[in-house]
């Protein structure tokens, strides 16, 4: 298939992780369609500021700069980590493709497995969700909020500043650093962030030709799973800055969804599962969130809002 689109400009954050995953997506399109794609590096406020993400208003900081470039016409499409995308979608933008998800789990990087870390060991993570869920498993460890790219975080273990760090397994795999993983946490232990391990390809809604072209990489099962996960998050976010985990699997017939909200000290949690039709993913997520709120999830979350 030869393209009438010319060379497409793919906007990406400049971090190694972002450019690596953007290049993977570009290569997949070129392989599938023969389309020429060039990467355009963009520095975002989230990349240069030293503030913690929670203080920045969370996820949207990396996405905004790329969306601005789309609106300015400087790039044709952008690739994001799905978990960075705010749950309220901007109607000017279309999530044209959600490719098949990579590993959804969290991973521990360090010299030993989680159970073998000595009491009081310092474990670094930038995520309140991870801190809460890990505290539920091991309240005897110290959890240290950190930020920076994967290299920086892993470097803190090598330098002895931290005993271990927790990162998304998918990101470590994309960077070719699986060999440094001491342990991958199963969802029974640590429930991932909604959309974790999935990428999303976004373009302007008005570019119908592009929406259609980009759709060739869309994976319907991943799309329904993350729609359910994000619907839980959207429904809970109304009252919450709390650690929310959610994970769904679409087996082609049934969508199975599990979600949890955990108090930041890990001592209390509301965790529920539900199953339904993949075509009603968002409804399933909203229903599960309502059940969680009925069981006190919003109270757990209220404790975070100080």
C-alpha atoms as a PDB file:
ATOM      1  CA  UNK A   1       0.000   0.000   0.000  1.00  0.00           C
ATOM      2  CA  UNK A   2       1.570   3.287  -1.029  1.00  0.00           C
ATOM      3  CA  UNK A   3       0.614   6.275   1.021  1.00  0.00           C
ATOM      4  CA  UNK A   4      -0.813   9.609  -0.030  1.00  0.00           C
ATOM      5  CA  UNK A   5       0.140  11.007   3.343  1.00  0.00           C
ATOM      6  CA  UNK A   6       3.765  12.006   2.641  1.00  0.00           C
ATOM      7  CA  UNK A   7       6.295  11.564   5.447  1.00  0.00           C
ATOM      8  CA  UNK A   8       4.434  11.592   8.759  1.00  0.00           C
ATOM      9  CA  UNK A   9       5.888  13.430  11.756  1.00  0.00           C
ATOM     10  CA  UNK A  10       5.591  11.484  15.006  1.00  0.00           C
ATOM     11  CA  UNK A  11       5.950  13.682  18.081  1.00  0.00           C
ATOM     12  CA  UNK A  12       7.644  12.125  21.092  1.00  0.00           C
ATOM     13  CA  UNK A  13       9.067  13.169  24.436  1.00  0.00           C
ATOM     14  CA  UNK A  14      12.863  13.171  24.311  1.00  0.00           C
ATOM     15  CA  UNK A  15      13.488  10.651  27.092  1.00  0.00           C
ATOM     16  CA  UNK A  16      15.105   7.371  26.052  1.00  0.00           C
ATOM     17  CA  UNK A  17      11.974   5.478  27.094  1.00  0.00           C
ATOM     18  CA  UNK A  18       9.669   7.705  25.043  1.00  0.00           C
ATOM     19  CA  UNK A  19      11.832   7.738  21.917  1.00  0.00           C
ATOM     20  CA  UNK A  20      12.331   3.963  22.133  1.00  0.00           C
ATOM     21  CA  UNK A  21       8.601   3.240  22.332  1.00  0.00           C
ATOM     22  CA  UNK A  22       7.798   5.854  19.653  1.00  0.00           C
ATOM     23  CA  UNK A  23      10.365   4.293  17.320  1.00  0.00           C
ATOM     24  CA  UNK A  24       8.822   0.846  17.951  1.00  0.00           C
ATOM     25  CA  UNK A  25       5.428   2.210  16.903  1.00  0.00           C
ATOM     26  CA  UNK A  26       6.883   4.023  13.867  1.00  0.00           C
ATOM     27  CA  UNK A  27       8.640   0.827  12.763  1.00  0.00           C
ATOM     28  CA  UNK A  28       5.433  -1.187  13.163  1.00  0.00           C
ATOM     29  CA  UNK A  29       3.532   1.236  10.895  1.00  0.00           C
ATOM     30  CA  UNK A  30       6.323   1.278   8.299  1.00  0.00           C
ATOM     31  CA  UNK A  31       6.540  -2.523   8.314  1.00  0.00           C
ATOM     32  CA  UNK A  32       2.763  -2.872   7.945  1.00  0.00           C
ATOM     33  CA  UNK A  33       2.157  -0.093   5.392  1.00  0.00           C
ATOM     34  CA  UNK A  34       5.450   1.141   3.902  1.00  0.00           C
ATOM     35  CA  UNK A  35       4.680   4.616   5.284  1.00  0.00           C
ATOM     36  CA  UNK A  36       7.696   6.872   5.950  1.00  0.00           C
ATOM     37  CA  UNK A  37       7.688   8.297   9.497  1.00  0.00           C
ATOM     38  CA  UNK A  38      10.126  10.667  11.173  1.00  0.00           C
ATOM     39  CA  UNK A  39      10.412  11.243  14.913  1.00  0.00           C
ATOM     40  CA  UNK A  40      10.179  14.818  16.213  1.00  0.00           C
ATOM     41  CA  UNK A  41      11.554  15.229  19.759  1.00  0.00           C
ATOM     42  CA  UNK A  42       9.653  17.562  22.072  1.00  0.00           C
ATOM     43  CA  UNK A  43      10.709  18.660  25.547  1.00  0.00           C
ATOM     44  CA  UNK A  44       7.747  18.718  27.944  1.00  0.00           C
ATOM     45  CA  UNK A  45       7.404  20.581  31.215  1.00  0.00           C
ATOM     46  CA  UNK A  46       7.098  17.221  32.975  1.00  0.00           C
ATOM     47  CA  UNK A  47      10.562  16.294  31.682  1.00  0.00           C
ATOM     48  CA  UNK A  48      12.370  19.414  32.920  1.00  0.00           C
ATOM     49  CA  UNK A  49      10.729  20.175  36.257  1.00  0.00           C
ATOM     50  CA  UNK A  50      12.070  18.646  39.461  1.00  0.00           C
ATOM     51  CA  UNK A  51       8.702  18.696  41.233  1.00  0.00           C
ATOM     52  CA  UNK A  52       7.010  15.401  42.030  1.00  0.00           C
ATOM     53  CA  UNK A  53       4.315  14.378  39.564  1.00  0.00           C
ATOM     54  CA  UNK A  54       1.662  14.414  42.271  1.00  0.00           C
ATOM     55  CA  UNK A  55       2.360  18.134  42.799  1.00  0.00           C
ATOM     56  CA  UNK A  56       2.117  18.833  39.074  1.00  0.00           C
ATOM     57  CA  UNK A  57      -1.478  17.699  38.868  1.00  0.00           C
ATOM     58  CA  UNK A  58      -0.500  14.175  37.953  1.00  0.00           C
ATOM     59  CA  UNK A  59      -0.637  12.550  34.598  1.00  0.00           C
ATOM     60  CA  UNK A  60      -1.424  15.257  32.060  1.00  0.00           C
ATOM     61  CA  UNK A  61       1.922  17.071  32.229  1.00  0.00           C
ATOM     62  CA  UNK A  62       3.662  14.885  29.650  1.00  0.00           C
ATOM     63  CA  UNK A  63       0.697  14.807  27.294  1.00  0.00           C
ATOM     64  CA  UNK A  64      -0.106  18.523  27.107  1.00  0.00           C
ATOM     65  CA  UNK A  65       3.032  19.589  25.234  1.00  0.00           C
ATOM     66  CA  UNK A  66       2.528  16.902  22.584  1.00  0.00           C
ATOM     67  CA  UNK A  67      -1.119  17.868  22.165  1.00  0.00           C
ATOM     68  CA  UNK A  68      -0.106  21.519  21.733  1.00  0.00           C
ATOM     69  CA  UNK A  69       2.212  20.494  18.868  1.00  0.00           C
ATOM     70  CA  UNK A  70      -0.615  18.496  17.261  1.00  0.00           C
ATOM     71  CA  UNK A  71      -2.903  21.529  17.431  1.00  0.00           C
ATOM     72  CA  UNK A  72      -0.136  23.782  16.023  1.00  0.00           C
ATOM     73  CA  UNK A  73       0.324  21.378  13.098  1.00  0.00           C
ATOM     74  CA  UNK A  74       4.000  20.804  13.965  1.00  0.00           C
ATOM     75  CA  UNK A  75       3.471  17.027  14.225  1.00  0.00           C
ATOM     76  CA  UNK A  76       0.932  14.640  12.668  1.00  0.00           C
ATOM     77  CA  UNK A  77       0.523  12.195  15.535  1.00  0.00           C
ATOM     78  CA  UNK A  78       1.893  11.377  18.969  1.00  0.00           C
ATOM     79  CA  UNK A  79       2.607   8.238  20.977  1.00  0.00           C
ATOM     80  CA  UNK A  80       1.946   8.280  24.715  1.00  0.00           C
ATOM     81  CA  UNK A  81       2.010   5.777  27.551  1.00  0.00           C
ATOM     82  CA  UNK A  82      -1.695   5.214  28.057  1.00  0.00           C
ATOM     83  CA  UNK A  83      -1.411   5.674  31.807  1.00  0.00           C
ATOM     84  CA  UNK A  84      -0.255   9.285  31.215  1.00  0.00           C
ATOM     85  CA  UNK A  85      -3.466  10.200  29.341  1.00  0.00           C
ATOM     86  CA  UNK A  86      -6.108  12.004  31.449  1.00  0.00           C
ATOM     87  CA  UNK A  87      -9.333   9.982  31.666  1.00  0.00           C
ATOM     88  CA  UNK A  88     -11.407  12.870  30.292  1.00  0.00           C
ATOM     89  CA  UNK A  89     -10.761  12.829  26.555  1.00  0.00           C
ATOM     90  CA  UNK A  90     -10.292  16.116  24.654  1.00  0.00           C
ATOM     91  CA  UNK A  91     -12.806  15.941  21.749  1.00  0.00           C
ATOM     92  CA  UNK A  92     -10.262  17.563  19.407  1.00  0.00           C
ATOM     93  CA  UNK A  93      -8.078  14.458  19.830  1.00  0.00           C
ATOM     94  CA  UNK A  94      -8.760  10.856  18.846  1.00  0.00           C
ATOM     95  CA  UNK A  95      -7.038   7.805  20.323  1.00  0.00           C
ATOM     96  CA  UNK A  96      -6.632   6.345  16.836  1.00  0.00           C
ATOM     97  CA  UNK A  97      -4.858   3.155  17.937  1.00  0.00           C
ATOM     98  CA  UNK A  98      -4.160   1.280  21.132  1.00  0.00           C
ATOM     99  CA  UNK A  99      -1.654  -1.396  20.043  1.00  0.00           C
ATOM    100  CA  UNK A 100      -1.482  -4.793  21.771  1.00  0.00           C
ATOM    101  CA  UNK A 101      -0.392  -4.286  25.365  1.00  0.00           C
ATOM    102  CA  UNK A 102       3.050  -5.304  26.598  1.00  0.00           C
ATOM    103  CA  UNK A 103       3.690  -6.598  30.119  1.00  0.00           C
ATOM    104  CA  UNK A 104       1.207  -4.907  32.480  1.00  0.00           C
ATOM    105  CA  UNK A 105       3.047  -5.692  35.709  1.00  0.00           C
ATOM    106  CA  UNK A 106       5.349  -3.829  38.087  1.00  0.00           C
ATOM    107  CA  UNK A 107       8.930  -4.996  38.559  1.00  0.00           C
ATOM    108  CA  UNK A 108      11.497  -4.770  41.346  1.00  0.00           C
ATOM    109  CA  UNK A 109      15.049  -3.837  40.357  1.00  0.00           C
ATOM    110  CA  UNK A 110      17.642  -4.673  42.994  1.00  0.00           C
ATOM    111  CA  UNK A 111      19.990  -7.374  44.229  1.00  0.00           C
ATOM    112  CA  UNK A 112      17.329  -9.633  45.814  1.00  0.00           C
ATOM    113  CA  UNK A 113      13.637 -10.493  45.661  1.00  0.00           C
ATOM    114  CA  UNK A 114      11.144  -8.335  47.579  1.00  0.00           C
ATOM    115  CA  UNK A 115      10.689 -10.888  50.398  1.00  0.00           C
ATOM    116  CA  UNK A 116      14.462 -11.033  50.888  1.00  0.00           C
ATOM    117  CA  UNK A 117      15.050  -7.294  51.371  1.00  0.00           C
ATOM    118  CA  UNK A 118      16.144  -6.664  54.968  1.00  0.00           C
ATOM    119  CA  UNK A 119      13.713  -4.842  57.310  1.00  0.00           C
ATOM    120  CA  UNK A 120      14.071  -1.071  56.919  1.00  0.00           C
ATOM    121  CA  UNK A 121      15.429  -1.381  53.368  1.00  0.00           C
ATOM    122  CA  UNK A 122      14.863   1.734  51.222  1.00  0.00           C
ATOM    123  CA  UNK A 123      12.664   1.117  48.164  1.00  0.00           C
ATOM    124  CA  UNK A 124      12.233   3.916  45.638  1.00  0.00           C
ATOM    125  CA  UNK A 125       9.135   4.584  43.520  1.00  0.00           C
ATOM    126  CA  UNK A 126       7.410   7.660  42.123  1.00  0.00           C
ATOM    127  CA  UNK A 127       3.935   6.194  42.530  1.00  0.00           C
ATOM    128  CA  UNK A 128       1.591   6.472  45.549  1.00  0.00           C
ATOM    129  CA  UNK A 129      -0.195   3.361  44.204  1.00  0.00           C
ATOM    130  CA  UNK A 130       2.986   1.289  44.384  1.00  0.00           C
ATOM    131  CA  UNK A 131       3.860   2.644  47.837  1.00  0.00           C
ATOM    132  CA  UNK A 132       0.412   1.741  49.191  1.00  0.00           C
ATOM    133  CA  UNK A 133       0.332  -1.754  47.669  1.00  0.00           C
ATOM    134  CA  UNK A 134       3.912  -2.574  48.644  1.00  0.00           C
ATOM    135  CA  UNK A 135       3.259  -1.290  52.195  1.00  0.00           C
ATOM    136  CA  UNK A 136       0.383  -3.760  52.435  1.00  0.00           C
ATOM    137  CA  UNK A 137       2.858  -6.565  51.657  1.00  0.00           C
ATOM    138  CA  UNK A 138       5.832  -5.230  53.667  1.00  0.00           C
ATOM    139  CA  UNK A 139       5.063  -2.418  56.100  1.00  0.00           C
ATOM    140  CA  UNK A 140       8.570  -2.856  57.550  1.00  0.00           C
ATOM    141  CA  UNK A 141      10.322  -1.275  54.556  1.00  0.00           C
ATOM    142  CA  UNK A 142      10.943   2.426  53.874  1.00  0.00           C
ATOM    143  CA  UNK A 143       9.312   3.718  50.682  1.00  0.00           C
ATOM    144  CA  UNK A 144      11.095   6.697  49.166  1.00  0.00           C
ATOM    145  CA  UNK A 145       9.386   8.897  46.532  1.00  0.00           C
ATOM    146  CA  UNK A 146      11.738   9.365  43.568  1.00  0.00           C
ATOM    147  CA  UNK A 147      11.475  10.638  40.024  1.00  0.00           C
ATOM    148  CA  UNK A 148      13.622  10.815  36.948  1.00  0.00           C
ATOM    149  CA  UNK A 149      13.951   8.405  34.057  1.00  0.00           C
ATOM    150  CA  UNK A 150      14.546   4.676  34.398  1.00  0.00           C
ATOM    151  CA  UNK A 151      18.347   5.063  34.153  1.00  0.00           C
ATOM    152  CA  UNK A 152      18.380   7.624  36.959  1.00  0.00           C
ATOM    153  CA  UNK A 153      16.183   5.467  39.169  1.00  0.00           C
ATOM    154  CA  UNK A 154      18.145   2.268  38.592  1.00  0.00           C
ATOM    155  CA  UNK A 155      21.348   4.254  39.191  1.00  0.00           C
ATOM    156  CA  UNK A 156      20.206   4.977  42.753  1.00  0.00           C
ATOM    157  CA  UNK A 157      20.388   1.222  43.469  1.00  0.00           C
ATOM    158  CA  UNK A 158      23.811   0.858  41.873  1.00  0.00           C
ATOM    159  CA  UNK A 159      25.112   3.814  43.918  1.00  0.00           C
ATOM    160  CA  UNK A 160      23.699   2.385  47.168  1.00  0.00           C
ATOM    161  CA  UNK A 161      21.366   5.348  47.771  1.00  0.00           C
ATOM    162  CA  UNK A 162      18.437   2.915  47.593  1.00  0.00           C
ATOM    163  CA  UNK A 163      18.191  -0.853  48.147  1.00  0.00           C
ATOM    164  CA  UNK A 164      15.713  -1.381  45.300  1.00  0.00           C
ATOM    165  CA  UNK A 165      13.375   0.503  42.962  1.00  0.00           C
ATOM    166  CA  UNK A 166      10.018  -0.457  41.465  1.00  0.00           C
ATOM    167  CA  UNK A 167       9.286   0.356  37.805  1.00  0.00           C
ATOM    168  CA  UNK A 168       6.894  -0.850  35.102  1.00  0.00           C
ATOM    169  CA  UNK A 169       8.107  -4.145  33.640  1.00  0.00           C
ATOM    170  CA  UNK A 170       7.127  -3.049  30.112  1.00  0.00           C
ATOM    171  CA  UNK A 171       9.374  -0.003  30.228  1.00  0.00           C
ATOM    172  CA  UNK A 172      12.366  -2.024  31.422  1.00  0.00           C
ATOM    173  CA  UNK A 173      11.766  -4.526  28.622  1.00  0.00           C
ATOM    174  CA  UNK A 174      11.541  -1.757  26.005  1.00  0.00           C
ATOM    175  CA  UNK A 175      14.890  -0.430  27.224  1.00  0.00           C
ATOM    176  CA  UNK A 176      16.438  -3.910  27.080  1.00  0.00           C
ATOM    177  CA  UNK A 177      17.022  -3.989  30.837  1.00  0.00           C
ATOM    178  CA  UNK A 178      15.043  -7.102  31.808  1.00  0.00           C
ATOM    179  CA  UNK A 179      18.235  -8.690  33.141  1.00  0.00           C
ATOM    180  CA  UNK A 180      18.170  -6.205  36.043  1.00  0.00           C
ATOM    181  CA  UNK A 181      14.710  -7.285  37.245  1.00  0.00           C
ATOM    182  CA  UNK A 182      14.891  -9.205  40.530  1.00  0.00           C
ATOM    183  CA  UNK A 183      11.161  -9.927  40.615  1.00  0.00           C
ATOM    184  CA  UNK A 184       7.984  -9.187  38.682  1.00  0.00           C
ATOM    185  CA  UNK A 185       4.921  -8.645  40.889  1.00  0.00           C
ATOM    186  CA  UNK A 186       1.834 -10.618  39.913  1.00  0.00           C
ATOM    187  CA  UNK A 187      -1.472  -8.734  39.942  1.00  0.00           C
ATOM    188  CA  UNK A 188      -2.500 -10.602  43.118  1.00  0.00           C
ATOM    189  CA  UNK A 189       0.353  -8.778  44.908  1.00  0.00           C
ATOM    190  CA  UNK A 190       0.463  -5.379  43.196  1.00  0.00           C
ATOM    191  CA  UNK A 191      -2.376  -4.316  40.935  1.00  0.00           C
ATOM    192  CA  UNK A 192      -1.009  -2.185  38.076  1.00  0.00           C
ATOM    193  CA  UNK A 193      -2.062   1.351  37.191  1.00  0.00           C
ATOM    194  CA  UNK A 194      -4.998   1.511  34.752  1.00  0.00           C
ATOM    195  CA  UNK A 195      -3.584   1.210  31.229  1.00  0.00           C
ATOM    196  CA  UNK A 196      -0.106   0.198  32.406  1.00  0.00           C
ATOM    197  CA  UNK A 197       1.995  -1.456  29.695  1.00  0.00           C
ATOM    198  CA  UNK A 198      -0.190  -0.054  26.894  1.00  0.00           C
ATOM    199  CA  UNK A 199       0.723   2.666  24.426  1.00  0.00           C
ATOM    200  CA  UNK A 200      -1.706   4.923  22.600  1.00  0.00           C
ATOM    201  CA  UNK A 201      -1.434   6.654  19.238  1.00  0.00           C
ATOM    202  CA  UNK A 202      -3.206  10.014  19.136  1.00  0.00           C
ATOM    203  CA  UNK A 203      -3.993  12.458  16.334  1.00  0.00           C
ATOM    204  CA  UNK A 204      -6.420  15.293  15.632  1.00  0.00           C
ATOM    205  CA  UNK A 205     -10.024  14.140  15.260  1.00  0.00           C
ATOM    206  CA  UNK A 206     -10.413  16.251  12.115  1.00  0.00           C
ATOM    207  CA  UNK A 207      -7.672  14.281  10.303  1.00  0.00           C
ATOM    208  CA  UNK A 208      -9.987  11.487   9.134  1.00  0.00           C
ATOM    209  CA  UNK A 209      -7.385  10.106   6.698  1.00  0.00           C
ATOM    210  CA  UNK A 210      -4.887   9.822   9.533  1.00  0.00           C
ATOM    211  CA  UNK A 211      -7.370   8.338  12.030  1.00  0.00           C
ATOM    212  CA  UNK A 212      -8.104   5.631   9.490  1.00  0.00           C
ATOM    213  CA  UNK A 213      -4.423   4.988   8.623  1.00  0.00           C
ATOM    214  CA  UNK A 214      -3.306   4.852  12.272  1.00  0.00           C
ATOM    215  CA  UNK A 215      -6.131   2.422  13.122  1.00  0.00           C
ATOM    216  CA  UNK A 216      -4.250  -0.485  11.503  1.00  0.00           C
ATOM    217  CA  UNK A 217      -2.266  -1.004  14.743  1.00  0.00           C
ATOM    218  CA  UNK A 218      -5.322  -0.993  16.990  1.00  0.00           C
ATOM    219  CA  UNK A 219      -5.823  -4.116  19.131  1.00  0.00           C
ATOM    220  CA  UNK A 220      -9.530  -4.455  20.056  1.00  0.00           C
ATOM    221  CA  UNK A 221      -8.907  -6.677  23.095  1.00  0.00           C
ATOM    222  CA  UNK A 222      -6.392  -4.265  24.587  1.00  0.00           C
ATOM    223  CA  UNK A 223      -8.739  -1.357  23.837  1.00  0.00           C
ATOM    224  CA  UNK A 224     -11.681  -2.936  25.700  1.00  0.00           C
ATOM    225  CA  UNK A 225      -9.494  -3.950  28.661  1.00  0.00           C
ATOM    226  CA  UNK A 226      -8.019  -0.497  29.147  1.00  0.00           C
ATOM    227  CA  UNK A 227     -11.429   1.155  28.596  1.00  0.00           C
ATOM    228  CA  UNK A 228     -12.731  -0.796  31.604  1.00  0.00           C
ATOM    229  CA  UNK A 229      -9.666   0.038  33.711  1.00  0.00           C
ATOM    230  CA  UNK A 230      -9.845   3.735  32.857  1.00  0.00           C
ATOM    231  CA  UNK A 231     -13.595   3.878  33.541  1.00  0.00           C
ATOM    232  CA  UNK A 232     -12.904   2.672  37.105  1.00  0.00           C
ATOM    233  CA  UNK A 233     -10.255   5.364  37.499  1.00  0.00           C
ATOM    234  CA  UNK A 234     -12.495   8.102  36.074  1.00  0.00           C
ATOM    235  CA  UNK A 235     -15.364   7.175  38.399  1.00  0.00           C
ATOM    236  CA  UNK A 236     -13.114   7.033  41.463  1.00  0.00           C
ATOM    237  CA  UNK A 237     -11.079  10.133  40.583  1.00  0.00           C
ATOM    238  CA  UNK A 238     -14.105  12.276  41.282  1.00  0.00           C
ATOM    239  CA  UNK A 239     -13.312  11.828  44.968  1.00  0.00           C
ATOM    240  CA  UNK A 240      -9.729  10.866  45.000  1.00  0.00           C
ATOM    241  CA  UNK A 241      -6.033  11.276  44.739  1.00  0.00           C
ATOM    242  CA  UNK A 242      -5.681   7.776  46.095  1.00  0.00           C
ATOM    243  CA  UNK A 243      -3.808   4.781  44.912  1.00  0.00           C
ATOM    244  CA  UNK A 244      -6.038   3.047  42.383  1.00  0.00           C
ATOM    245  CA  UNK A 245      -5.031  -0.166  40.643  1.00  0.00           C
ATOM    246  CA  UNK A 246      -7.028  -1.832  37.889  1.00  0.00           C
ATOM    247  CA  UNK A 247      -6.410  -4.649  35.450  1.00  0.00           C
ATOM    248  CA  UNK A 248      -8.704  -6.252  32.885  1.00  0.00           C
ATOM    249  CA  UNK A 249      -8.357  -9.090  30.386  1.00  0.00           C
ATOM    250  CA  UNK A 250     -10.556  -9.559  27.321  1.00  0.00           C
ATOM    251  CA  UNK A 251     -10.373 -13.203  26.226  1.00  0.00           C
ATOM    252  CA  UNK A 252     -12.498 -12.565  23.145  1.00  0.00           C
ATOM    253  CA  UNK A 253     -15.774 -13.456  24.886  1.00  0.00           C
ATOM    254  CA  UNK A 254     -15.636 -12.080  28.419  1.00  0.00           C
ATOM    255  CA  UNK A 255     -13.965  -9.076  29.979  1.00  0.00           C
ATOM    256  CA  UNK A 256     -12.644  -9.791  33.493  1.00  0.00           C
ATOM    257  CA  UNK A 257     -11.827  -6.721  35.563  1.00  0.00           C
ATOM    258  CA  UNK A 258     -10.213  -6.358  39.009  1.00  0.00           C
ATOM    259  CA  UNK A 259      -9.695  -3.028  40.756  1.00  0.00           C
ATOM    260  CA  UNK A 260      -8.536  -1.858  44.153  1.00  0.00           C
ATOM    261  CA  UNK A 261      -8.091   1.256  46.233  1.00  0.00           C
ATOM    262  CA  UNK A 262      -5.530   1.098  49.031  1.00  0.00           C
ATOM    263  CA  UNK A 263      -4.916   3.416  51.969  1.00  0.00           C
ATOM    264  CA  UNK A 264      -1.466   4.962  51.616  1.00  0.00           C
ATOM    265  CA  UNK A 265      -0.169   3.071  54.686  1.00  0.00           C
ATOM    266  CA  UNK A 266      -1.336  -0.182  53.078  1.00  0.00           C
ATOM    267  CA  UNK A 267      -3.459  -1.147  56.094  1.00  0.00           C
ATOM    268  CA  UNK A 268      -6.856  -0.990  54.435  1.00  0.00           C
ATOM    269  CA  UNK A 269      -8.030  -1.777  50.939  1.00  0.00           C
ATOM    270  CA  UNK A 270     -11.180  -2.266  48.916  1.00  0.00           C
ATOM    271  CA  UNK A 271     -10.622  -4.784  46.128  1.00  0.00           C
ATOM    272  CA  UNK A 272     -13.339  -6.094  43.816  1.00  0.00           C
ATOM    273  CA  UNK A 273     -13.709  -8.015  40.556  1.00  0.00           C
ATOM    274  CA  UNK A 274     -16.433  -8.188  37.923  1.00  0.00           C
ATOM    275  CA  UNK A 275     -16.970  -9.740  34.511  1.00  0.00           C
ATOM    276  CA  UNK A 276     -19.027  -8.621  31.532  1.00  0.00           C
ATOM    277  CA  UNK A 277     -19.178  -8.208  27.796  1.00  0.00           C
ATOM    278  CA  UNK A 278     -16.158  -6.545  26.109  1.00  0.00           C
ATOM    279  CA  UNK A 279     -18.593  -4.308  24.210  1.00  0.00           C
ATOM    280  CA  UNK A 280     -19.703  -2.786  27.522  1.00  0.00           C
ATOM    281  CA  UNK A 281     -16.238  -2.192  28.967  1.00  0.00           C
ATOM    282  CA  UNK A 282     -16.839   1.342  30.251  1.00  0.00           C
ATOM    283  CA  UNK A 283     -20.147   0.384  31.892  1.00  0.00           C
ATOM    284  CA  UNK A 284     -18.425  -2.549  33.620  1.00  0.00           C
ATOM    285  CA  UNK A 285     -15.746  -0.212  34.988  1.00  0.00           C
ATOM    286  CA  UNK A 286     -18.265   2.328  36.251  1.00  0.00           C
ATOM    287  CA  UNK A 287     -20.362  -0.386  37.900  1.00  0.00           C
ATOM    288  CA  UNK A 288     -17.344  -1.848  39.686  1.00  0.00           C
ATOM    289  CA  UNK A 289     -16.287   1.633  40.873  1.00  0.00           C
ATOM    290  CA  UNK A 290     -19.788   2.227  42.278  1.00  0.00           C
ATOM    291  CA  UNK A 291     -19.588  -1.063  44.211  1.00  0.00           C
ATOM    292  CA  UNK A 292     -16.163  -0.067  45.562  1.00  0.00           C
ATOM    293  CA  UNK A 293     -17.471   3.326  46.700  1.00  0.00           C
ATOM    294  CA  UNK A 294     -20.380   1.551  48.422  1.00  0.00           C
ATOM    295  CA  UNK A 295     -17.760  -0.456  50.343  1.00  0.00           C
ATOM    296  CA  UNK A 296     -15.906   2.655  51.491  1.00  0.00           C
ATOM    297  CA  UNK A 297     -13.322   3.225  48.748  1.00  0.00           C
ATOM    298  CA  UNK A 298     -14.046   6.949  48.759  1.00  0.00           C
ATOM    299  CA  UNK A 299     -13.364   7.091  52.513  1.00  0.00           C
ATOM    300  CA  UNK A 300      -9.951   5.485  51.992  1.00  0.00           C
ATOM    301  CA  UNK A 301      -9.316   8.027  49.284  1.00  0.00           C
ATOM    302  CA  UNK A 302     -10.434  10.965  51.368  1.00  0.00           C
ATOM    303  CA  UNK A 303      -7.508  10.218  53.672  1.00  0.00           C
ATOM    304  CA  UNK A 304      -5.146  11.146  50.855  1.00  0.00           C
ATOM    305  CA  UNK A 305      -6.551  14.509  50.056  1.00  0.00           C
ATOM    306  CA  UNK A 306      -4.826  16.412  52.839  1.00  0.00           C
END
